[in-house]
Protein backbone atom coordinates (compact mmCIF):
# COMPACT_ATOMS: atom_id res chain seq x y z
CA MET A 1 12.08 -3.46 -9.23
CA ILE A 2 9.40 -6.12 -9.41
CA PHE A 3 11.65 -8.46 -11.38
CA SER A 4 14.85 -7.90 -9.42
CA GLN A 5 16.16 -9.98 -6.55
CA PRO A 6 15.85 -7.70 -3.48
CA SER A 7 18.37 -7.85 -0.70
CA ARG A 8 17.37 -9.26 2.66
CA GLU A 9 17.38 -5.75 4.12
CA ALA A 10 15.15 -4.41 1.35
CA SER A 11 12.73 -7.28 1.86
CA ILE A 12 12.59 -6.61 5.60
CA ARG A 13 11.92 -2.89 4.98
CA GLN A 14 9.07 -3.74 2.62
CA ILE A 15 7.52 -6.15 5.10
CA GLU A 16 7.84 -3.65 7.95
CA GLY A 17 6.20 -1.01 5.76
CA LEU A 18 3.10 -3.17 5.43
CA GLN A 19 2.06 -2.43 9.00
CA GLY A 20 1.66 1.26 8.23
CA LYS A 21 -0.25 0.59 5.02
CA ILE A 22 -2.61 -1.84 6.72
CA LYS A 23 -3.23 0.65 9.53
CA GLU A 24 -3.93 3.38 6.96
CA ILE A 25 -6.38 1.12 5.10
CA LEU A 26 -8.25 0.18 8.26
CA THR A 27 -8.33 3.76 9.55
CA ARG A 28 -9.73 5.07 6.27
CA ALA A 29 -12.25 2.23 6.13
CA LEU A 30 -13.57 3.13 9.57
CA ARG A 31 -13.58 6.86 8.84
CA GLU A 32 -15.26 6.51 5.44
CA ARG A 33 -17.49 3.61 6.54
CA LYS A 34 -16.43 1.47 3.59
CA PRO A 35 -15.05 -2.06 3.30
CA SER A 36 -11.29 -2.26 3.73
CA SER A 37 -11.03 -4.00 0.35
CA GLU A 38 -12.60 -0.98 -1.34
CA ILE A 39 -10.18 1.38 0.41
CA ALA A 40 -7.20 -0.82 -0.52
CA ASP A 41 -8.30 -0.82 -4.17
CA ALA A 42 -8.70 2.97 -4.13
CA MET A 43 -5.26 3.43 -2.57
CA ALA A 44 -3.72 1.14 -5.19
CA ARG A 45 -5.37 3.14 -7.99
CA GLU A 46 -4.17 6.41 -6.40
CA ARG A 47 -0.61 5.08 -6.27
CA ILE A 48 -0.69 3.82 -9.86
CA ASN A 49 -2.11 7.13 -11.10
CA SER A 50 0.42 9.22 -9.18
CA GLU A 51 3.37 7.13 -10.39
CA GLY A 52 2.20 7.43 -13.96
CA LYS A 53 2.45 11.23 -13.80
CA CYS A 54 6.17 11.30 -12.93
């Protein structure tokens, strides 16, 4: 869906979902005592790897 034109509602849902992701990144960074950028990269890799196994 990267190349499609999302609806306004879909765009709003994606934006609202960012809050949860950011909170998860910051929580993990504090818990694991790592930079948030490192956690975000790890989460992105986890997502890519899990989607590739479908």
